[in-house]
N, C-alpha and C. Protein backbone atom coordinates (compact mmCIF):
# COMPACT_ATOMS: atom_id res chain seq x y z
N UNK A 1 0.86 -1.17 0.00
CA UNK A 1 0.00 0.00 0.00
C UNK A 1 0.90 1.23 0.00
N UNK A 2 0.59 2.15 -0.90
CA UNK A 2 1.40 3.36 -0.92
C UNK A 2 0.90 4.36 0.12
N UNK A 3 1.69 5.39 0.33
CA UNK A 3 1.41 6.37 1.39
C UNK A 3 0.05 7.03 1.20
N UNK A 4 -0.31 7.39 -0.03
CA UNK A 4 -1.58 8.07 -0.30
C UNK A 4 -2.76 7.17 0.07
N UNK A 5 -2.72 5.90 -0.31
CA UNK A 5 -3.80 4.97 0.02
C UNK A 5 -3.84 4.68 1.52
N UNK A 6 -2.66 4.64 2.16
CA UNK A 6 -2.62 4.41 3.60
C UNK A 6 -3.40 5.49 4.34
N UNK A 7 -3.16 6.76 4.00
CA UNK A 7 -3.85 7.85 4.68
C UNK A 7 -5.34 7.87 4.36
N UNK A 8 -5.74 7.47 3.15
CA UNK A 8 -7.17 7.36 2.81
C UNK A 8 -7.82 6.29 3.69
N UNK A 9 -7.16 5.15 3.82
CA UNK A 9 -7.68 4.06 4.64
C UNK A 9 -7.79 4.51 6.09
N UNK A 10 -6.79 5.20 6.56
CA UNK A 10 -6.77 5.68 7.93
C UNK A 10 -7.93 6.65 8.18
N UNK A 11 -8.31 7.42 7.19
CA UNK A 11 -9.37 8.41 7.39
C UNK A 11 -10.74 7.78 7.60
N UNK A 12 -10.93 6.52 7.22
CA UNK A 12 -12.22 5.87 7.44
C UNK A 12 -12.23 4.98 8.68
N UNK A 13 -11.09 4.82 9.33
CA UNK A 13 -11.02 4.03 10.55
C UNK A 13 -11.65 4.83 11.68
N UNK A 14 -12.59 4.22 12.39
CA UNK A 14 -13.22 4.97 13.48
C UNK A 14 -12.21 5.23 14.61
N UNK A 15 -12.29 6.42 15.15
CA UNK A 15 -11.44 6.76 16.28
C UNK A 15 -12.23 6.60 17.56
N UNK A 16 -11.58 6.01 18.52
CA UNK A 16 -12.22 5.78 19.82
C UNK A 16 -11.51 6.66 20.83
N UNK A 17 -12.28 7.38 21.58
CA UNK A 17 -11.72 8.25 22.61
C UNK A 17 -11.75 7.49 23.94
N UNK A 18 -10.60 7.39 24.58
CA UNK A 18 -10.49 6.73 25.87
C UNK A 18 -10.36 7.79 26.95
N UNK A 19 -10.99 7.55 28.10
CA UNK A 19 -10.83 8.51 29.20
C UNK A 19 -9.36 8.63 29.58
N UNK A 20 -8.95 9.83 29.95
CA UNK A 20 -7.56 10.06 30.36
C UNK A 20 -7.21 9.14 31.51
N UNK A 21 -6.05 8.54 31.42
CA UNK A 21 -5.59 7.67 32.50
C UNK A 21 -6.24 6.30 32.51
N UNK A 22 -6.97 5.90 31.45
CA UNK A 22 -7.66 4.62 31.49
C UNK A 22 -6.73 3.45 31.21
N UNK A 23 -5.57 3.70 30.63
CA UNK A 23 -4.63 2.62 30.37
C UNK A 23 -3.79 2.36 31.60
N UNK A 24 -3.48 1.12 31.86
CA UNK A 24 -2.62 0.77 32.98
C UNK A 24 -3.35 0.67 34.32
N UNK A 25 -4.64 0.84 34.35
CA UNK A 25 -5.39 0.69 35.60
C UNK A 25 -5.48 -0.79 35.92
N UNK A 26 -5.20 -1.11 37.16
CA UNK A 26 -5.25 -2.52 37.55
C UNK A 26 -6.68 -2.97 37.80
N UNK A 27 -7.50 -2.07 38.33
CA UNK A 27 -8.88 -2.43 38.60
C UNK A 27 -9.66 -1.16 38.87
N UNK A 28 -10.97 -1.29 38.97
CA UNK A 28 -11.80 -0.13 39.27
C UNK A 28 -11.61 0.35 40.70
N UNK A 29 -10.93 -0.44 41.54
CA UNK A 29 -10.72 -0.06 42.93
C UNK A 29 -9.84 1.19 43.05
N UNK A 30 -9.13 1.54 42.00
CA UNK A 30 -8.26 2.70 42.07
C UNK A 30 -9.03 3.99 42.23
N UNK A 31 -10.35 3.95 42.12
CA UNK A 31 -11.15 5.15 42.32
C UNK A 31 -10.99 5.68 43.73
N UNK A 32 -10.71 4.81 44.68
CA UNK A 32 -10.53 5.27 46.06
C UNK A 32 -9.12 5.03 46.57
N UNK A 33 -8.25 4.45 45.79
CA UNK A 33 -6.90 4.15 46.26
C UNK A 33 -6.12 5.44 46.48
N UNK A 34 -5.48 5.55 47.63
CA UNK A 34 -4.72 6.75 47.98
C UNK A 34 -3.46 6.83 47.12
N UNK A 35 -3.18 8.02 46.61
CA UNK A 35 -2.02 8.23 45.74
C UNK A 35 -0.71 7.99 46.48
N UNK A 36 0.20 7.34 45.79
CA UNK A 36 1.53 7.07 46.34
C UNK A 36 2.45 8.26 46.09
N UNK A 37 3.40 8.45 47.01
CA UNK A 37 4.41 9.49 46.87
C UNK A 37 5.79 8.87 47.06
N UNK A 38 6.79 9.58 46.62
CA UNK A 38 8.16 9.18 46.92
C UNK A 38 8.39 9.36 48.42
N UNK A 39 9.21 8.53 48.98
CA UNK A 39 9.49 8.59 50.41
C UNK A 39 10.14 9.92 50.80
N UNK A 40 10.96 10.45 49.94
CA UNK A 40 11.65 11.70 50.24
C UNK A 40 12.86 11.48 51.13
N UNK A 41 13.63 12.53 51.35
CA UNK A 41 14.89 12.38 52.07
C UNK A 41 14.76 12.38 53.60
N UNK A 42 13.58 12.66 54.14
CA UNK A 42 13.47 12.86 55.58
C UNK A 42 12.83 11.71 56.36
N UNK A 43 12.51 10.61 55.70
CA UNK A 43 11.95 9.46 56.41
C UNK A 43 13.03 8.85 57.31
N UNK A 44 12.60 8.41 58.48
CA UNK A 44 13.50 7.75 59.42
C UNK A 44 12.75 6.57 60.03
N UNK A 45 13.25 5.35 59.93
CA UNK A 45 12.54 4.20 60.48
C UNK A 45 12.60 4.17 62.01
N UNK A 46 11.78 3.30 62.58
CA UNK A 46 11.77 3.02 64.02
C UNK A 46 11.28 4.16 64.89
N UNK A 47 10.35 4.96 64.38
CA UNK A 47 9.74 6.00 65.21
C UNK A 47 9.00 5.36 66.36
N UNK A 48 8.91 6.04 67.50
CA UNK A 48 8.21 5.47 68.65
C UNK A 48 6.69 5.41 68.42
N UNK A 49 6.08 4.45 69.05
CA UNK A 49 4.63 4.31 69.00
C UNK A 49 4.04 5.32 69.98
N UNK A 50 3.25 6.29 69.45
CA UNK A 50 2.65 7.31 70.31
C UNK A 50 1.58 8.07 69.56
N UNK A 51 0.53 8.43 70.28
CA UNK A 51 -0.57 9.18 69.69
C UNK A 51 -0.38 10.69 69.85
N UNK A 52 0.54 11.11 70.71
CA UNK A 52 0.90 12.51 70.86
C UNK A 52 2.28 12.67 70.24
N UNK A 53 2.32 13.24 69.04
CA UNK A 53 3.56 13.26 68.27
C UNK A 53 4.38 14.52 68.54
N UNK A 54 3.73 15.69 68.64
CA UNK A 54 4.45 16.93 68.89
C UNK A 54 3.53 17.94 69.56
N UNK A 55 4.09 18.77 70.45
CA UNK A 55 3.30 19.77 71.17
C UNK A 55 3.80 21.19 70.99
N UNK A 56 5.00 21.38 70.43
CA UNK A 56 5.58 22.71 70.31
C UNK A 56 5.11 23.38 69.02
N UNK A 57 3.93 24.01 69.07
CA UNK A 57 3.34 24.67 67.92
C UNK A 57 1.84 24.72 68.05
N UNK A 58 1.16 25.00 66.96
CA UNK A 58 -0.30 25.08 66.93
C UNK A 58 -0.87 23.65 66.94
N UNK A 59 -1.67 23.33 67.94
CA UNK A 59 -2.19 21.96 68.10
C UNK A 59 -3.06 21.53 66.92
N UNK A 60 -2.90 20.28 66.52
CA UNK A 60 -3.63 19.71 65.39
C UNK A 60 -3.94 18.25 65.70
N UNK A 61 -5.20 17.87 65.51
CA UNK A 61 -5.61 16.48 65.69
C UNK A 61 -6.04 15.93 64.34
N UNK A 62 -5.45 14.82 63.95
CA UNK A 62 -5.80 14.14 62.70
C UNK A 62 -6.40 12.79 63.07
N UNK A 63 -7.54 12.50 62.45
CA UNK A 63 -8.18 11.19 62.64
C UNK A 63 -8.67 10.70 61.29
N UNK A 64 -8.91 9.43 61.22
CA UNK A 64 -9.39 8.86 59.97
C UNK A 64 -9.42 7.36 60.06
N UNK A 65 -9.43 6.74 58.90
CA UNK A 65 -9.46 5.29 58.84
C UNK A 65 -8.59 4.78 57.71
N UNK A 66 -8.24 3.52 57.81
CA UNK A 66 -7.51 2.84 56.74
C UNK A 66 -8.43 1.75 56.23
N UNK A 67 -8.66 1.77 54.91
CA UNK A 67 -9.64 0.88 54.29
C UNK A 67 -9.05 0.19 53.07
N UNK A 68 -9.65 -0.93 52.70
CA UNK A 68 -9.24 -1.66 51.51
C UNK A 68 -9.76 -0.94 50.27
N UNK A 69 -8.87 -0.74 49.31
CA UNK A 69 -9.27 -0.10 48.05
C UNK A 69 -10.06 -1.06 47.16
N UNK A 70 -10.12 -2.34 47.52
CA UNK A 70 -10.85 -3.29 46.68
C UNK A 70 -12.35 -3.01 46.69
N UNK A 71 -12.85 -2.46 47.82
CA UNK A 71 -14.27 -2.10 47.87
C UNK A 71 -14.49 -0.71 48.47
N UNK A 72 -13.43 -0.06 48.84
CA UNK A 72 -13.45 1.31 49.39
C UNK A 72 -14.12 1.42 50.75
N UNK A 73 -14.36 0.29 51.43
CA UNK A 73 -15.06 0.41 52.72
C UNK A 73 -14.63 -0.60 53.78
N UNK A 74 -13.96 -1.68 53.42
CA UNK A 74 -13.57 -2.67 54.42
C UNK A 74 -12.43 -2.12 55.27
N UNK A 75 -12.65 -2.00 56.59
CA UNK A 75 -11.60 -1.45 57.45
C UNK A 75 -10.41 -2.40 57.57
N UNK A 76 -9.24 -1.82 57.72
CA UNK A 76 -8.03 -2.61 57.90
C UNK A 76 -7.55 -2.41 59.34
N UNK A 77 -7.72 -3.44 60.14
CA UNK A 77 -7.30 -3.40 61.54
C UNK A 77 -5.79 -3.60 61.64
N UNK A 78 -5.19 -3.05 62.69
CA UNK A 78 -3.78 -3.23 63.01
C UNK A 78 -2.82 -2.73 61.93
N UNK A 79 -3.27 -1.78 61.11
CA UNK A 79 -2.36 -1.14 60.17
C UNK A 79 -1.48 -0.18 60.96
N UNK A 80 -0.21 -0.09 60.60
CA UNK A 80 0.73 0.82 61.26
C UNK A 80 0.93 2.03 60.37
N UNK A 81 0.70 3.21 60.93
CA UNK A 81 0.91 4.46 60.22
C UNK A 81 2.14 5.12 60.81
N UNK A 82 3.17 5.22 60.03
CA UNK A 82 4.39 5.91 60.41
C UNK A 82 4.20 7.35 59.94
N UNK A 83 4.23 8.31 60.87
CA UNK A 83 3.89 9.71 60.59
C UNK A 83 5.13 10.56 60.84
N UNK A 84 5.40 11.50 59.92
CA UNK A 84 6.49 12.45 60.15
C UNK A 84 6.21 13.76 59.43
N UNK A 85 6.72 14.85 60.00
CA UNK A 85 6.60 16.18 59.40
C UNK A 85 7.65 17.09 60.00
N UNK A 86 7.75 18.29 59.46
CA UNK A 86 8.74 19.24 59.99
C UNK A 86 8.24 19.85 61.29
N UNK A 87 9.17 20.44 62.03
CA UNK A 87 8.81 21.09 63.29
C UNK A 87 8.27 22.49 63.03
N UNK A 88 7.99 23.23 64.08
CA UNK A 88 7.38 24.55 63.97
C UNK A 88 8.26 25.56 63.23
N UNK A 89 9.55 25.28 63.09
CA UNK A 89 10.44 26.19 62.36
C UNK A 89 10.76 25.68 60.95
N UNK A 90 10.07 24.59 60.52
CA UNK A 90 10.26 24.08 59.16
C UNK A 90 11.42 23.13 58.99
N UNK A 91 11.91 22.57 60.08
CA UNK A 91 13.06 21.65 60.02
C UNK A 91 12.63 20.23 60.39
N UNK A 92 13.28 19.25 59.76
CA UNK A 92 13.06 17.84 60.08
C UNK A 92 14.14 17.38 61.04
N UNK A 93 13.76 16.63 62.06
CA UNK A 93 14.70 16.08 63.03
C UNK A 93 15.26 14.78 62.46
N UNK A 94 16.55 14.79 62.14
CA UNK A 94 17.18 13.59 61.59
C UNK A 94 18.01 12.84 62.62
N UNK A 95 18.14 13.41 63.82
CA UNK A 95 18.92 12.76 64.88
C UNK A 95 18.03 12.04 65.89
N UNK A 96 16.87 12.62 66.17
CA UNK A 96 15.95 12.03 67.13
C UNK A 96 14.60 11.75 66.48
N UNK A 97 13.54 11.85 67.28
CA UNK A 97 12.21 11.51 66.77
C UNK A 97 11.20 12.63 67.00
N UNK A 98 11.66 13.88 67.02
CA UNK A 98 10.75 15.01 67.14
C UNK A 98 9.88 15.05 65.88
N UNK A 99 8.59 15.24 66.06
CA UNK A 99 7.61 15.29 64.96
C UNK A 99 7.54 13.97 64.19
N UNK A 100 7.76 12.88 64.90
CA UNK A 100 7.71 11.54 64.31
C UNK A 100 7.01 10.60 65.29
N UNK A 101 6.24 9.69 64.76
CA UNK A 101 5.61 8.70 65.60
C UNK A 101 4.86 7.67 64.77
N UNK A 102 4.49 6.58 65.43
CA UNK A 102 3.69 5.54 64.78
C UNK A 102 2.39 5.37 65.56
N UNK A 103 1.31 5.23 64.81
CA UNK A 103 0.01 4.90 65.41
C UNK A 103 -0.54 3.68 64.70
N UNK A 104 -1.42 2.96 65.38
CA UNK A 104 -1.99 1.74 64.82
C UNK A 104 -3.51 1.88 64.74
N UNK A 105 -4.08 1.30 63.69
CA UNK A 105 -5.54 1.33 63.58
C UNK A 105 -6.16 0.32 64.54
N UNK A 106 -7.39 0.64 64.96
CA UNK A 106 -8.11 -0.28 65.84
C UNK A 106 -8.87 -1.31 65.00
N UNK A 107 -9.74 -2.08 65.62
CA UNK A 107 -10.49 -3.14 64.92
C UNK A 107 -11.40 -2.59 63.82
N UNK A 108 -11.78 -1.31 63.92
CA UNK A 108 -12.63 -0.68 62.90
C UNK A 108 -11.81 0.08 61.85
N UNK A 109 -10.48 -0.10 61.90
CA UNK A 109 -9.61 0.57 60.94
C UNK A 109 -9.37 2.04 61.26
N UNK A 110 -9.77 2.50 62.43
CA UNK A 110 -9.68 3.92 62.79
C UNK A 110 -8.34 4.23 63.47
N UNK A 111 -7.89 5.45 63.27
CA UNK A 111 -6.67 5.94 63.93
C UNK A 111 -6.86 7.40 64.30
N UNK A 112 -6.02 7.88 65.18
CA UNK A 112 -5.97 9.31 65.49
C UNK A 112 -4.64 9.63 66.16
N UNK A 113 -4.21 10.86 65.97
CA UNK A 113 -3.01 11.35 66.66
C UNK A 113 -3.11 12.86 66.78
N UNK A 114 -2.35 13.39 67.73
CA UNK A 114 -2.28 14.82 67.93
C UNK A 114 -0.84 15.26 67.69
N UNK A 115 -0.69 16.37 67.00
CA UNK A 115 0.63 16.90 66.67
C UNK A 115 0.50 18.41 66.53
N UNK A 116 1.31 19.01 65.68
CA UNK A 116 1.20 20.43 65.40
C UNK A 116 0.88 20.64 63.93
N UNK A 117 0.35 21.80 63.64
CA UNK A 117 0.06 22.22 62.26
C UNK A 117 1.41 22.61 61.66
N UNK A 118 1.97 21.78 60.77
CA UNK A 118 3.32 22.06 60.28
C UNK A 118 3.35 23.29 59.38
N UNK A 119 4.41 24.06 59.44
CA UNK A 119 4.51 25.23 58.56
C UNK A 119 4.90 24.83 57.14
N UNK A 120 4.69 25.74 56.23
CA UNK A 120 5.22 25.57 54.87
C UNK A 120 6.72 25.84 54.95
N UNK A 121 7.48 25.25 54.05
CA UNK A 121 8.91 25.52 54.01
C UNK A 121 9.41 25.38 52.58
N UNK A 122 10.38 26.18 52.20
CA UNK A 122 11.02 26.12 50.87
C UNK A 122 10.02 26.06 49.73
N UNK A 123 8.91 26.76 49.85
CA UNK A 123 7.91 26.77 48.80
C UNK A 123 6.96 25.59 48.82
N UNK A 124 7.21 24.61 49.66
CA UNK A 124 6.31 23.45 49.77
C UNK A 124 5.09 23.86 50.59
N UNK A 125 3.94 23.31 50.28
CA UNK A 125 2.77 23.56 51.13
C UNK A 125 2.91 22.80 52.45
N UNK A 126 2.11 23.19 53.42
CA UNK A 126 2.08 22.44 54.69
C UNK A 126 1.67 21.00 54.36
N UNK A 127 2.33 20.04 54.97
CA UNK A 127 1.99 18.65 54.69
C UNK A 127 2.49 17.74 55.80
N UNK A 128 1.89 16.57 55.86
CA UNK A 128 2.29 15.52 56.79
C UNK A 128 2.50 14.25 55.97
N UNK A 129 3.60 13.56 56.25
CA UNK A 129 3.94 12.32 55.54
C UNK A 129 3.38 11.12 56.29
N UNK A 130 3.00 10.10 55.53
CA UNK A 130 2.52 8.83 56.09
C UNK A 130 3.18 7.68 55.35
N UNK A 131 3.61 6.68 56.08
CA UNK A 131 4.01 5.39 55.50
C UNK A 131 3.10 4.38 56.19
N UNK A 132 2.29 3.68 55.42
CA UNK A 132 1.28 2.78 55.98
C UNK A 132 1.61 1.34 55.62
N UNK A 133 1.65 0.50 56.67
CA UNK A 133 1.94 -0.92 56.48
C UNK A 133 0.82 -1.74 57.10
N UNK A 134 0.35 -2.74 56.35
CA UNK A 134 -0.69 -3.64 56.85
C UNK A 134 -0.48 -5.01 56.21
N UNK A 135 -0.72 -6.04 56.98
CA UNK A 135 -0.55 -7.41 56.49
C UNK A 135 -1.42 -7.66 55.27
N UNK A 136 -0.82 -8.16 54.20
CA UNK A 136 -1.55 -8.49 52.99
C UNK A 136 -1.69 -7.34 52.01
N UNK A 137 -1.10 -6.18 52.32
CA UNK A 137 -1.20 -5.01 51.45
C UNK A 137 0.19 -4.48 51.14
N UNK A 138 0.32 -3.86 49.98
CA UNK A 138 1.58 -3.22 49.60
C UNK A 138 1.75 -1.95 50.45
N UNK A 139 2.96 -1.75 50.96
CA UNK A 139 3.26 -0.56 51.75
C UNK A 139 2.95 0.70 50.93
N UNK A 140 2.40 1.71 51.60
CA UNK A 140 2.02 2.96 50.94
C UNK A 140 2.74 4.12 51.62
N UNK A 141 3.39 4.96 50.83
CA UNK A 141 3.92 6.22 51.31
C UNK A 141 3.11 7.32 50.64
N UNK A 142 2.57 8.24 51.44
CA UNK A 142 1.72 9.30 50.91
C UNK A 142 1.87 10.54 51.77
N UNK A 143 1.17 11.60 51.42
CA UNK A 143 1.16 12.85 52.18
C UNK A 143 -0.25 13.40 52.21
N UNK A 144 -0.56 14.18 53.27
CA UNK A 144 -1.80 14.93 53.27
C UNK A 144 -1.44 16.41 53.26
N UNK A 145 -2.36 17.21 52.72
CA UNK A 145 -2.19 18.65 52.59
C UNK A 145 -3.42 19.34 53.19
N UNK A 146 -3.37 20.67 53.29
CA UNK A 146 -4.41 21.41 53.96
C UNK A 146 -5.07 22.43 53.02
N UNK A 147 -6.38 22.42 53.04
CA UNK A 147 -7.18 23.33 52.22
C UNK A 147 -6.82 24.79 52.54
N UNK A 148 -6.77 25.60 51.51
CA UNK A 148 -6.50 27.02 51.68
C UNK A 148 -5.03 27.38 51.68
N UNK A 149 -4.14 26.41 51.62
CA UNK A 149 -2.71 26.69 51.61
C UNK A 149 -2.32 27.26 50.24
N UNK A 150 -1.84 28.51 50.19
CA UNK A 150 -1.50 29.11 48.90
C UNK A 150 -0.34 28.42 48.18
N UNK A 151 0.48 27.68 48.90
CA UNK A 151 1.61 27.00 48.27
C UNK A 151 1.22 25.74 47.52
N UNK A 152 -0.01 25.26 47.68
CA UNK A 152 -0.42 24.04 46.98
C UNK A 152 -0.28 24.21 45.47
N UNK A 153 -0.71 25.34 44.95
CA UNK A 153 -0.66 25.56 43.50
C UNK A 153 0.77 25.69 42.97
N UNK A 154 1.71 26.04 43.84
CA UNK A 154 3.08 26.27 43.42
C UNK A 154 4.03 25.14 43.83
N UNK A 155 3.51 24.07 44.39
CA UNK A 155 4.36 22.99 44.89
C UNK A 155 5.13 22.35 43.73
N UNK A 156 6.45 22.31 43.85
CA UNK A 156 7.27 21.72 42.78
C UNK A 156 6.94 20.25 42.57
N UNK A 157 6.51 19.56 43.62
CA UNK A 157 6.21 18.13 43.50
C UNK A 157 4.86 17.88 42.84
N UNK A 158 3.99 18.87 42.82
CA UNK A 158 2.65 18.75 42.21
C UNK A 158 1.91 17.51 42.72
N UNK A 159 1.97 17.29 44.02
CA UNK A 159 1.40 16.09 44.62
C UNK A 159 0.04 16.28 45.27
N UNK A 160 -0.40 17.48 45.48
CA UNK A 160 -1.58 17.73 46.30
C UNK A 160 -2.88 17.48 45.54
N UNK A 161 -3.16 16.21 45.26
CA UNK A 161 -4.43 15.87 44.61
C UNK A 161 -5.56 16.16 45.59
N UNK A 162 -6.74 16.46 45.06
CA UNK A 162 -7.86 16.89 45.91
C UNK A 162 -8.23 15.86 46.98
N UNK A 163 -8.00 14.59 46.73
CA UNK A 163 -8.33 13.56 47.72
C UNK A 163 -7.42 13.62 48.94
N UNK A 164 -6.31 14.31 48.80
CA UNK A 164 -5.35 14.38 49.90
C UNK A 164 -5.26 15.77 50.52
N UNK A 165 -6.18 16.65 50.15
CA UNK A 165 -6.25 17.98 50.74
C UNK A 165 -7.43 17.99 51.70
N UNK A 166 -7.15 18.19 52.99
CA UNK A 166 -8.21 18.13 53.99
C UNK A 166 -8.57 19.53 54.49
N UNK A 167 -9.79 19.65 54.93
CA UNK A 167 -10.29 20.89 55.53
C UNK A 167 -10.22 20.74 57.04
N UNK A 168 -9.76 21.78 57.70
CA UNK A 168 -9.66 21.75 59.15
C UNK A 168 -10.83 22.49 59.78
N UNK A 169 -11.25 22.01 60.93
CA UNK A 169 -12.23 22.71 61.76
C UNK A 169 -11.52 23.04 63.07
N UNK A 170 -12.12 23.91 63.84
CA UNK A 170 -11.51 24.29 65.12
C UNK A 170 -12.49 23.99 66.24
N UNK A 171 -11.96 23.37 67.29
CA UNK A 171 -12.78 23.02 68.44
C UNK A 171 -11.91 23.09 69.70
N UNK A 172 -12.30 23.93 70.63
CA UNK A 172 -11.58 24.06 71.91
C UNK A 172 -10.08 24.28 71.71
N UNK A 173 -9.72 25.27 70.92
CA UNK A 173 -8.32 25.66 70.68
C UNK A 173 -7.47 24.60 69.99
N UNK A 174 -8.09 23.69 69.28
CA UNK A 174 -7.33 22.70 68.52
C UNK A 174 -7.96 22.56 67.13
N UNK A 175 -7.13 22.57 66.13
CA UNK A 175 -7.59 22.32 64.76
C UNK A 175 -7.73 20.83 64.58
N UNK A 176 -8.77 20.43 63.83
CA UNK A 176 -9.02 19.00 63.61
C UNK A 176 -9.25 18.74 62.12
N UNK A 177 -8.79 17.58 61.69
CA UNK A 177 -9.00 17.18 60.31
C UNK A 177 -9.13 15.68 60.20
N UNK A 178 -9.74 15.24 59.10
CA UNK A 178 -9.94 13.82 58.87
C UNK A 178 -9.29 13.41 57.56
N UNK A 179 -8.58 12.28 57.58
CA UNK A 179 -7.87 11.79 56.40
C UNK A 179 -8.00 10.27 56.34
N UNK A 180 -8.79 9.78 55.38
CA UNK A 180 -8.94 8.35 55.17
C UNK A 180 -7.90 7.88 54.15
N UNK A 181 -7.39 6.70 54.37
CA UNK A 181 -6.35 6.12 53.52
C UNK A 181 -6.86 4.80 52.98
N UNK A 182 -6.66 4.59 51.67
CA UNK A 182 -7.14 3.38 51.00
C UNK A 182 -5.96 2.62 50.41
N UNK A 183 -5.79 1.37 50.87
CA UNK A 183 -4.67 0.54 50.40
C UNK A 183 -5.14 -0.43 49.33
């Protein structure tokens, strides 16, 4: 077939439009699966198990659940959430465990911890890192972000998907937010 006939034939072939991102999906469960992030340079293993992670700064309580992405609702009990973020001056503690801790989900897949509202630093929006491990699931490293942070639009990492941006409420001098994680 010569080039001219090839393009004529091509012009009658129906074109099918596929939704963006439809290739490479493992299953429909990805609709609720929490986005993965790179671990980054500040992760440190063996953080202590504690629900009170940091007190030097503006108090913040985060609660939520860990659920199976296969149906978006089955709770995952005994999942370990390794949590870390910068301190009130925008620095990560690489020698000790300031602003670091591990919490575990209960039988209903629920978790909670209290820490501080981390500041933005180096153009990054305010964020908290999570590494989540649960038996039978692939380890997940992710981050949560905060609604209204002007640095979200300028973040070099471009990671702040809407599912990971939480809105805070205030109650008795503490900001509160909810963040569900789907493995």
